[in-house]
Amino acid sequence: MNYFSSNIKLLRNRKKRTQNDVAVALDIKRTTVNALENTISQPTVNHLQSFSKYFGIAIDTLINIDLSQLSESQFTDIQNGFDVFIRGSNLRVIATTVDSGNTDNIEFVNEKAKAGYVNSFADPEYIGNLPVFQLPFLSKEKKYRAFSIEGDSMLPIPDGSIVIAEFIQDFFDIKTNQAYIIVTRDEGIVFKVAENNISENRLLRLISLNTDFEPYDVPISEVKEAWKFVCYLNTELPDPETDLSKLVKQVEQMKSDINLLTQKM
């Protein structure tokens, strides 16, 4: 469905501009603006480009997204350039810090910083106050960030681990069955395995390694950042394997051997 007409009217009203104001700014007739807003005529390529530049919103979004259905925070993100509805290298401009050699730092979002990160991830001043470090074995061509995780939803990665992750510019590059740090306004920072359903229904399904936790869907419009899992750090030694766990493994192996033997008979 084409939302161009309703979108430009909505945007004009939000900016408190008259049709004549827009017409003067775009060097077109007021009657043309009226016709476009009321679907009396269809926009030309020049119209699309002009309105996109005037409102600071991508052409694809003006046409394909019903802006009236967005929350105020989503609307603000789009107007600030965080347009998650289309591809492009300029969609998400990441705030970062560098060391004395102009190499990107790895900023550490610890437990204390996590609550503020959701609202300030694009604020250079906030990012500049995070602890930083370097890992020499990581590529200097990519951007990394570290996040502390809590809970047991991603066991065997233990509670309190620090996950190192690589910044994902284009959400379409999120690969199914790979782990990511996903930042959303409602859920905050979560560490999950992703199933990419953006093309089909504009959703990400987030799955825990611990099967006690049910998978759930997140609209891609709610996702603010995605970071691909690279490795994790933990200062705690894992618990030794108990006799009970060894017994369970032996029983499972016996079941597997019996099933295999049955199939051969």
C-alpha atoms as a PDB file:
ATOM      1  CA  MET A   1       0.000   0.000   0.000  1.00  0.00           C
ATOM      2  CA  ASN A   2       1.220   3.517  -0.834  1.00  0.00           C
ATOM      3  CA  TYR A   3       1.248   5.826   2.206  1.00  0.00           C
ATOM      4  CA  PHE A   4       2.907   8.787   0.506  1.00  0.00           C
ATOM      5  CA  SER A   5      -0.151  11.078   0.543  1.00  0.00           C
ATOM      6  CA  SER A   6      -1.077  10.514   4.176  1.00  0.00           C
ATOM      7  CA  ASN A   7       2.561  10.631   5.260  1.00  0.00           C
ATOM      8  CA  ILE A   8       3.403  14.000   3.727  1.00  0.00           C
ATOM      9  CA  LYS A   9       0.225  15.477   5.195  1.00  0.00           C
ATOM     10  CA  LEU A  10       1.099  14.064   8.618  1.00  0.00           C
ATOM     11  CA  LEU A  11       4.665  15.359   8.406  1.00  0.00           C
ATOM     12  CA  ARG A  12       3.512  18.793   7.269  1.00  0.00           C
ATOM     13  CA  ASN A  13       1.110  19.060  10.199  1.00  0.00           C
ATOM     14  CA  ARG A  14       3.779  17.898  12.664  1.00  0.00           C
ATOM     15  CA  LYS A  15       6.078  20.639  11.391  1.00  0.00           C
ATOM     16  CA  LYS A  16       3.169  23.110  11.638  1.00  0.00           C
ATOM     17  CA  ARG A  17       3.515  24.108   7.996  1.00  0.00           C
ATOM     18  CA  THR A  18       0.757  25.135   5.610  1.00  0.00           C
ATOM     19  CA  GLN A  19       0.454  23.710   2.124  1.00  0.00           C
ATOM     20  CA  ASN A  20       1.661  27.075   0.866  1.00  0.00           C
ATOM     21  CA  ASP A  21       4.753  26.903   3.119  1.00  0.00           C
ATOM     22  CA  VAL A  22       5.683  23.538   1.642  1.00  0.00           C
ATOM     23  CA  ALA A  23       4.963  24.701  -1.901  1.00  0.00           C
ATOM     24  CA  VAL A  24       7.259  27.704  -1.519  1.00  0.00           C
ATOM     25  CA  ALA A  25      10.032  25.612   0.030  1.00  0.00           C
ATOM     26  CA  LEU A  26       9.867  23.019  -2.743  1.00  0.00           C
ATOM     27  CA  ASP A  27       9.259  25.528  -5.541  1.00  0.00           C
ATOM     28  CA  ILE A  28       5.998  23.906  -6.654  1.00  0.00           C
ATOM     29  CA  LYS A  29       2.373  25.094  -6.756  1.00  0.00           C
ATOM     30  CA  ARG A  30       0.152  24.922  -3.654  1.00  0.00           C
ATOM     31  CA  THR A  31      -2.445  23.107  -5.739  1.00  0.00           C
ATOM     32  CA  THR A  32       0.173  20.434  -6.463  1.00  0.00           C
ATOM     33  CA  VAL A  33       0.772  19.901  -2.744  1.00  0.00           C
ATOM     34  CA  ASN A  34      -2.985  19.662  -2.191  1.00  0.00           C
ATOM     35  CA  ALA A  35      -3.369  17.158  -5.028  1.00  0.00           C
ATOM     36  CA  LEU A  36      -0.545  14.992  -3.707  1.00  0.00           C
ATOM     37  CA  GLU A  37      -1.902  15.011  -0.149  1.00  0.00           C
ATOM     38  CA  ASN A  38      -5.375  14.013  -1.312  1.00  0.00           C
ATOM     39  CA  THR A  39      -4.266  11.358  -3.841  1.00  0.00           C
ATOM     40  CA  ILE A  40      -5.665  13.412  -6.702  1.00  0.00           C
ATOM     41  CA  SER A  41      -2.352  13.013  -8.511  1.00  0.00           C
ATOM     42  CA  GLN A  42       0.628  10.684  -8.178  1.00  0.00           C
ATOM     43  CA  PRO A  43       4.086  12.002  -7.250  1.00  0.00           C
ATOM     44  CA  THR A  44       6.835  12.208  -9.839  1.00  0.00           C
ATOM     45  CA  VAL A  45      10.416  11.167  -9.132  1.00  0.00           C
ATOM     46  CA  ASN A  46      11.258  14.820  -8.559  1.00  0.00           C
ATOM     47  CA  HIS A  47       8.395  15.125  -6.072  1.00  0.00           C
ATOM     48  CA  LEU A  48       9.603  12.069  -4.160  1.00  0.00           C
ATOM     49  CA  GLN A  49      13.139  13.391  -3.974  1.00  0.00           C
ATOM     50  CA  SER A  50      12.017  16.868  -2.928  1.00  0.00           C
ATOM     51  CA  PHE A  51       9.666  15.726  -0.164  1.00  0.00           C
ATOM     52  CA  SER A  52      12.240  13.206   1.095  1.00  0.00           C
ATOM     53  CA  LYS A  53      14.885  15.915   1.385  1.00  0.00           C
ATOM     54  CA  TYR A  54      12.466  18.451   2.896  1.00  0.00           C
ATOM     55  CA  PHE A  55      11.237  16.127   5.661  1.00  0.00           C
ATOM     56  CA  GLY A  56      14.540  14.275   6.105  1.00  0.00           C
ATOM     57  CA  ILE A  57      12.950  10.863   5.628  1.00  0.00           C
ATOM     58  CA  ALA A  58      13.850   8.190   3.067  1.00  0.00           C
ATOM     59  CA  ILE A  59      11.690   7.780  -0.040  1.00  0.00           C
ATOM     60  CA  ASP A  60      11.073   4.082   0.718  1.00  0.00           C
ATOM     61  CA  THR A  61       9.760   5.003   4.152  1.00  0.00           C
ATOM     62  CA  LEU A  62       7.532   7.789   2.814  1.00  0.00           C
ATOM     63  CA  ILE A  63       5.923   5.322   0.411  1.00  0.00           C
ATOM     64  CA  ASN A  64       5.841   2.023   2.303  1.00  0.00           C
ATOM     65  CA  ILE A  65       5.480   2.838   6.016  1.00  0.00           C
ATOM     66  CA  ASP A  66       2.336   4.185   7.660  1.00  0.00           C
ATOM     67  CA  LEU A  67       3.993   6.803   9.853  1.00  0.00           C
ATOM     68  CA  SER A  68       0.783   7.390  11.795  1.00  0.00           C
ATOM     69  CA  GLN A  69       1.185   3.942  13.361  1.00  0.00           C
ATOM     70  CA  LEU A  70       4.627   4.628  14.826  1.00  0.00           C
ATOM     71  CA  SER A  71       5.280   5.461  18.437  1.00  0.00           C
ATOM     72  CA  GLU A  72       6.710   8.868  19.237  1.00  0.00           C
ATOM     73  CA  SER A  73      10.126   7.342  19.947  1.00  0.00           C
ATOM     74  CA  GLN A  74      10.122   5.505  16.613  1.00  0.00           C
ATOM     75  CA  PHE A  75       9.086   8.683  14.832  1.00  0.00           C
ATOM     76  CA  THR A  76      11.898  10.592  16.513  1.00  0.00           C
ATOM     77  CA  ASP A  77      14.427   7.915  15.543  1.00  0.00           C
ATOM     78  CA  ILE A  78      13.403   8.119  11.889  1.00  0.00           C
ATOM     79  CA  GLN A  79      13.637  11.894  11.834  1.00  0.00           C
ATOM     80  CA  ASN A  80      17.077  11.657  13.446  1.00  0.00           C
ATOM     81  CA  GLY A  81      18.299   9.358  10.691  1.00  0.00           C
ATOM     82  CA  PHE A  82      17.832   5.994  12.414  1.00  0.00           C
ATOM     83  CA  ASP A  83      15.627   4.594   9.668  1.00  0.00           C
ATOM     84  CA  VAL A  84      15.439   0.835  10.222  1.00  0.00           C
ATOM     85  CA  PHE A  85      12.906   0.257   7.465  1.00  0.00           C
ATOM     86  CA  ILE A  86      15.354   0.330   4.545  1.00  0.00           C
ATOM     87  CA  ARG A  87      18.906  -0.623   3.674  1.00  0.00           C
ATOM     88  CA  GLY A  88      21.764   1.796   3.368  1.00  0.00           C
ATOM     89  CA  SER A  89      25.152   2.731   4.741  1.00  0.00           C
ATOM     90  CA  ASN A  90      23.865   5.951   6.285  1.00  0.00           C
ATOM     91  CA  LEU A  91      21.012   4.516   8.314  1.00  0.00           C
ATOM     92  CA  ARG A  92      22.781   4.120  11.645  1.00  0.00           C
ATOM     93  CA  VAL A  93      25.623   6.437  12.543  1.00  0.00           C
ATOM     94  CA  ILE A  94      27.387   4.923  15.528  1.00  0.00           C
ATOM     95  CA  ALA A  95      29.009   6.966  18.278  1.00  0.00           C
ATOM     96  CA  THR A  96      32.484   5.634  19.024  1.00  0.00           C
ATOM     97  CA  THR A  97      35.777   6.399  20.755  1.00  0.00           C
ATOM     98  CA  VAL A  98      39.371   5.945  19.570  1.00  0.00           C
ATOM     99  CA  ASP A  99      42.749   5.536  21.238  1.00  0.00           C
ATOM    100  CA  SER A 100      45.861   7.682  20.709  1.00  0.00           C
ATOM    101  CA  GLY A 101      46.608   5.800  17.484  1.00  0.00           C
ATOM    102  CA  ASN A 102      43.125   6.551  16.111  1.00  0.00           C
ATOM    103  CA  THR A 103      42.058   2.911  16.491  1.00  0.00           C
ATOM    104  CA  ASP A 104      38.502   2.220  17.608  1.00  0.00           C
ATOM    105  CA  ASN A 105      38.220   1.305  21.269  1.00  0.00           C
ATOM    106  CA  ILE A 106      36.015  -1.462  22.559  1.00  0.00           C
ATOM    107  CA  GLU A 107      33.595   0.359  24.856  1.00  0.00           C
ATOM    108  CA  PHE A 108      32.324  -1.684  27.797  1.00  0.00           C
ATOM    109  CA  VAL A 109      28.616  -1.422  28.632  1.00  0.00           C
ATOM    110  CA  ASN A 110      28.611  -2.813  32.164  1.00  0.00           C
ATOM    111  CA  GLU A 111      25.588  -3.507  34.369  1.00  0.00           C
ATOM    112  CA  LYS A 112      25.575   0.034  35.716  1.00  0.00           C
ATOM    113  CA  ALA A 113      25.614   1.551  32.224  1.00  0.00           C
ATOM    114  CA  LYS A 114      23.042  -0.750  30.599  1.00  0.00           C
ATOM    115  CA  ALA A 115      19.941   1.174  31.690  1.00  0.00           C
ATOM    116  CA  GLY A 116      21.224   4.429  30.200  1.00  0.00           C
ATOM    117  CA  TYR A 117      22.545   2.816  27.028  1.00  0.00           C
ATOM    118  CA  VAL A 118      19.097   2.220  25.537  1.00  0.00           C
ATOM    119  CA  ASN A 119      18.396   5.950  25.414  1.00  0.00           C
ATOM    120  CA  SER A 120      21.942   7.210  24.885  1.00  0.00           C
ATOM    121  CA  PHE A 121      23.600   4.732  22.498  1.00  0.00           C
ATOM    122  CA  ALA A 122      23.878   7.474  19.837  1.00  0.00           C
ATOM    123  CA  ASP A 123      25.123  10.165  22.256  1.00  0.00           C
ATOM    124  CA  PRO A 124      28.894  10.716  21.791  1.00  0.00           C
ATOM    125  CA  GLU A 125      29.205  12.204  25.289  1.00  0.00           C
ATOM    126  CA  TYR A 126      27.588   9.156  26.916  1.00  0.00           C
ATOM    127  CA  ILE A 127      29.686   6.715  24.857  1.00  0.00           C
ATOM    128  CA  GLY A 128      32.807   8.759  25.647  1.00  0.00           C
ATOM    129  CA  ASN A 129      32.310   8.119  29.372  1.00  0.00           C
ATOM    130  CA  LEU A 130      32.187   4.321  29.064  1.00  0.00           C
ATOM    131  CA  PRO A 131      35.212   2.214  30.099  1.00  0.00           C
ATOM    132  CA  VAL A 132      37.307   1.156  27.091  1.00  0.00           C
ATOM    133  CA  PHE A 133      39.883  -1.501  26.225  1.00  0.00           C
ATOM    134  CA  GLN A 134      41.553  -3.180  23.251  1.00  0.00           C
ATOM    135  CA  LEU A 135      41.821  -6.797  22.108  1.00  0.00           C
ATOM    136  CA  PRO A 136      44.730  -7.189  19.646  1.00  0.00           C
ATOM    137  CA  PHE A 137      43.347 -10.319  17.973  1.00  0.00           C
ATOM    138  CA  LEU A 138      40.234  -8.526  16.660  1.00  0.00           C
ATOM    139  CA  SER A 139      40.080  -6.864  13.236  1.00  0.00           C
ATOM    140  CA  LYS A 140      40.853  -3.141  13.149  1.00  0.00           C
ATOM    141  CA  GLU A 141      38.452  -2.839  10.208  1.00  0.00           C
ATOM    142  CA  LYS A 142      35.382  -3.606  12.294  1.00  0.00           C
ATOM    143  CA  LYS A 143      33.653  -1.950  15.248  1.00  0.00           C
ATOM    144  CA  TYR A 144      33.282  -3.901  18.484  1.00  0.00           C
ATOM    145  CA  ARG A 145      31.588  -3.265  21.808  1.00  0.00           C
ATOM    146  CA  ALA A 146      31.426  -5.283  25.041  1.00  0.00           C
ATOM    147  CA  PHE A 147      28.262  -5.948  27.028  1.00  0.00           C
ATOM    148  CA  SER A 148      27.820  -7.613  30.399  1.00  0.00           C
ATOM    149  CA  ILE A 149      25.040 -10.206  30.435  1.00  0.00           C
ATOM    150  CA  GLU A 150      22.981 -11.517  33.312  1.00  0.00           C
ATOM    151  CA  GLY A 151      20.706 -14.468  33.906  1.00  0.00           C
ATOM    152  CA  ASP A 152      20.823 -18.047  32.689  1.00  0.00           C
ATOM    153  CA  SER A 153      18.840 -17.796  29.446  1.00  0.00           C
ATOM    154  CA  MET A 154      22.015 -18.307  27.389  1.00  0.00           C
ATOM    155  CA  LEU A 155      23.581 -21.136  29.371  1.00  0.00           C
ATOM    156  CA  PRO A 156      26.164 -22.620  29.007  1.00  0.00           C
ATOM    157  CA  ILE A 157      27.422 -19.007  28.654  1.00  0.00           C
ATOM    158  CA  PRO A 158      27.220 -18.125  32.359  1.00  0.00           C
ATOM    159  CA  ASP A 159      25.635 -15.217  34.157  1.00  0.00           C
ATOM    160  CA  GLY A 160      28.046 -12.305  34.530  1.00  0.00           C
ATOM    161  CA  SER A 161      29.953 -12.984  31.317  1.00  0.00           C
ATOM    162  CA  ILE A 162      31.182 -10.163  29.105  1.00  0.00           C
ATOM    163  CA  VAL A 163      30.135 -10.586  25.477  1.00  0.00           C
ATOM    164  CA  ILE A 164      32.288  -9.016  22.760  1.00  0.00           C
ATOM    165  CA  ALA A 165      30.232  -8.248  19.656  1.00  0.00           C
ATOM    166  CA  GLU A 166      30.632  -6.694  16.195  1.00  0.00           C
ATOM    167  CA  PHE A 167      28.429  -3.812  15.055  1.00  0.00           C
ATOM    168  CA  ILE A 168      25.851  -4.671  12.359  1.00  0.00           C
ATOM    169  CA  GLN A 169      25.107  -1.725  10.079  1.00  0.00           C
ATOM    170  CA  ASP A 170      22.318  -3.331   8.050  1.00  0.00           C
ATOM    171  CA  PHE A 171      19.684  -5.380   9.901  1.00  0.00           C
ATOM    172  CA  PHE A 172      19.154  -7.465   6.765  1.00  0.00           C
ATOM    173  CA  ASP A 173      22.651  -8.864   7.419  1.00  0.00           C
ATOM    174  CA  ILE A 174      21.488 -10.512  10.644  1.00  0.00           C
ATOM    175  CA  LYS A 175      21.924 -14.234  10.021  1.00  0.00           C
ATOM    176  CA  THR A 176      19.547 -16.893  11.309  1.00  0.00           C
ATOM    177  CA  ASN A 177      20.953 -19.204  14.016  1.00  0.00           C
ATOM    178  CA  GLN A 178      23.731 -16.809  15.004  1.00  0.00           C
ATOM    179  CA  ALA A 179      23.921 -15.023  18.370  1.00  0.00           C
ATOM    180  CA  TYR A 180      23.521 -11.258  18.737  1.00  0.00           C
ATOM    181  CA  ILE A 181      23.280  -8.507  21.269  1.00  0.00           C
ATOM    182  CA  ILE A 182      19.958  -6.854  20.392  1.00  0.00           C
ATOM    183  CA  VAL A 183      19.127  -3.405  21.743  1.00  0.00           C
ATOM    184  CA  THR A 184      15.460  -2.398  21.893  1.00  0.00           C
ATOM    185  CA  ARG A 185      13.705   0.399  23.719  1.00  0.00           C
ATOM    186  CA  ASP A 186      11.301  -1.926  25.563  1.00  0.00           C
ATOM    187  CA  GLU A 187      13.458  -5.015  26.183  1.00  0.00           C
ATOM    188  CA  GLY A 188      16.717  -3.143  26.726  1.00  0.00           C
ATOM    189  CA  ILE A 189      19.889  -5.105  25.956  1.00  0.00           C
ATOM    190  CA  VAL A 190      19.355  -8.825  25.350  1.00  0.00           C
ATOM    191  CA  PHE A 191      21.710 -11.582  24.224  1.00  0.00           C
ATOM    192  CA  LYS A 192      19.919 -14.126  22.018  1.00  0.00           C
ATOM    193  CA  VAL A 193      20.161 -16.347  18.977  1.00  0.00           C
ATOM    194  CA  ALA A 194      18.319 -14.633  16.118  1.00  0.00           C
ATOM    195  CA  GLU A 195      15.984 -15.886  13.420  1.00  0.00           C
ATOM    196  CA  ASN A 196      15.765 -13.287  10.660  1.00  0.00           C
ATOM    197  CA  ASN A 197      12.178 -12.851   9.421  1.00  0.00           C
ATOM    198  CA  ILE A 198      12.539  -9.227   8.325  1.00  0.00           C
ATOM    199  CA  SER A 199      11.774  -9.841   4.654  1.00  0.00           C
ATOM    200  CA  GLU A 200       8.711 -11.972   5.422  1.00  0.00           C
ATOM    201  CA  ASN A 201       7.021 -10.074   8.255  1.00  0.00           C
ATOM    202  CA  ARG A 202       9.492  -7.452   9.548  1.00  0.00           C
ATOM    203  CA  LEU A 203      10.241  -9.463  12.699  1.00  0.00           C
ATOM    204  CA  LEU A 204      13.222 -10.917  14.486  1.00  0.00           C
ATOM    205  CA  ARG A 205      12.606 -14.074  16.491  1.00  0.00           C
ATOM    206  CA  LEU A 206      14.868 -14.163  19.546  1.00  0.00           C
ATOM    207  CA  ILE A 207      15.787 -17.572  20.934  1.00  0.00           C
ATOM    208  CA  SER A 208      17.581 -18.539  24.147  1.00  0.00           C
ATOM    209  CA  LEU A 209      20.176 -21.335  24.298  1.00  0.00           C
ATOM    210  CA  ASN A 210      18.486 -22.449  27.509  1.00  0.00           C
ATOM    211  CA  THR A 211      15.334 -24.229  26.304  1.00  0.00           C
ATOM    212  CA  ASP A 212      13.514 -23.347  29.541  1.00  0.00           C
ATOM    213  CA  PHE A 213      13.000 -19.919  27.966  1.00  0.00           C
ATOM    214  CA  GLU A 214      10.431 -19.531  25.186  1.00  0.00           C
ATOM    215  CA  PRO A 215      11.379 -17.771  21.923  1.00  0.00           C
ATOM    216  CA  TYR A 216       9.660 -14.463  21.199  1.00  0.00           C
ATOM    217  CA  ASP A 217       9.288 -12.045  18.297  1.00  0.00           C
ATOM    218  CA  VAL A 218      10.435  -8.428  18.154  1.00  0.00           C
ATOM    219  CA  PRO A 219       9.302  -6.037  15.386  1.00  0.00           C
ATOM    220  CA  ILE A 220      12.349  -4.772  13.521  1.00  0.00           C
ATOM    221  CA  SER A 221      10.992  -1.254  14.011  1.00  0.00           C
ATOM    222  CA  GLU A 222      11.705  -1.694  17.745  1.00  0.00           C
ATOM    223  CA  VAL A 223      15.348  -2.687  17.225  1.00  0.00           C
ATOM    224  CA  LYS A 224      17.834   0.147  17.785  1.00  0.00           C
ATOM    225  CA  GLU A 225      21.120  -1.718  17.429  1.00  0.00           C
ATOM    226  CA  ALA A 226      22.367  -5.219  16.601  1.00  0.00           C
ATOM    227  CA  TRP A 227      25.799  -6.581  17.503  1.00  0.00           C
ATOM    228  CA  LYS A 228      27.022  -9.971  16.275  1.00  0.00           C
ATOM    229  CA  PHE A 229      28.515 -12.265  18.921  1.00  0.00           C
ATOM    230  CA  VAL A 230      32.277 -12.746  18.559  1.00  0.00           C
ATOM    231  CA  CYS A 231      33.441 -14.184  21.888  1.00  0.00           C
ATOM    232  CA  TYR A 232      32.846 -13.938  25.618  1.00  0.00           C
ATOM    233  CA  LEU A 233      35.000 -13.434  28.692  1.00  0.00           C
ATOM    234  CA  ASN A 234      34.382 -14.890  32.137  1.00  0.00           C
ATOM    235  CA  THR A 235      36.544 -14.902  35.248  1.00  0.00           C
ATOM    236  CA  GLU A 236      34.749 -17.807  36.941  1.00  0.00           C
ATOM    237  CA  LEU A 237      35.823 -21.427  36.557  1.00  0.00           C
ATOM    238  CA  PRO A 238      32.971 -23.673  35.333  1.00  0.00           C
ATOM    239  CA  ASP A 239      31.421 -26.032  37.878  1.00  0.00           C
ATOM    240  CA  PRO A 240      32.916 -29.532  37.803  1.00  0.00           C
ATOM    241  CA  GLU A 241      30.819 -32.177  36.118  1.00  0.00           C
ATOM    242  CA  THR A 242      28.812 -34.072  38.740  1.00  0.00           C
ATOM    243  CA  ASP A 243      28.305 -37.842  38.892  1.00  0.00           C
ATOM    244  CA  LEU A 244      24.615 -37.256  38.118  1.00  0.00           C
ATOM    245  CA  SER A 245      25.364 -35.343  34.941  1.00  0.00           C
ATOM    246  CA  LYS A 246      27.808 -38.053  33.862  1.00  0.00           C
ATOM    247  CA  LEU A 247      25.091 -40.668  34.442  1.00  0.00           C
ATOM    248  CA  VAL A 248      22.560 -38.692  32.398  1.00  0.00           C
ATOM    249  CA  LYS A 249      25.040 -38.487  29.512  1.00  0.00           C
ATOM    250  CA  GLN A 250      25.687 -42.244  29.711  1.00  0.00           C
ATOM    251  CA  VAL A 251      21.942 -42.972  29.618  1.00  0.00           C
ATOM    252  CA  GLU A 252      21.474 -40.686  26.616  1.00  0.00           C
ATOM    253  CA  GLN A 253      24.361 -42.383  24.831  1.00  0.00           C
ATOM    254  CA  MET A 254      22.836 -45.798  25.567  1.00  0.00           C
ATOM    255  CA  LYS A 255      19.502 -44.661  24.103  1.00  0.00           C
ATOM    256  CA  SER A 256      21.285 -43.451  20.986  1.00  0.00           C
ATOM    257  CA  ASP A 257      23.168 -46.751  20.622  1.00  0.00           C
ATOM    258  CA  ILE A 258      19.944 -48.764  21.052  1.00  0.00           C
ATOM    259  CA  ASN A 259      18.138 -46.671  18.422  1.00  0.00           C
ATOM    260  CA  LEU A 260      21.026 -47.136  16.015  1.00  0.00           C
ATOM    261  CA  LEU A 261      21.076 -50.899  16.634  1.00  0.00           C
ATOM    262  CA  THR A 262      17.295 -51.130  16.122  1.00  0.00           C
ATOM    263  CA  GLN A 263      17.566 -49.369  12.761  1.00  0.00           C
ATOM    264  CA  LYS A 264      20.195 -51.877  11.592  1.00  0.00           C
ATOM    265  CA  MET A 265      18.153 -54.944  12.587  1.00  0.00           C
END
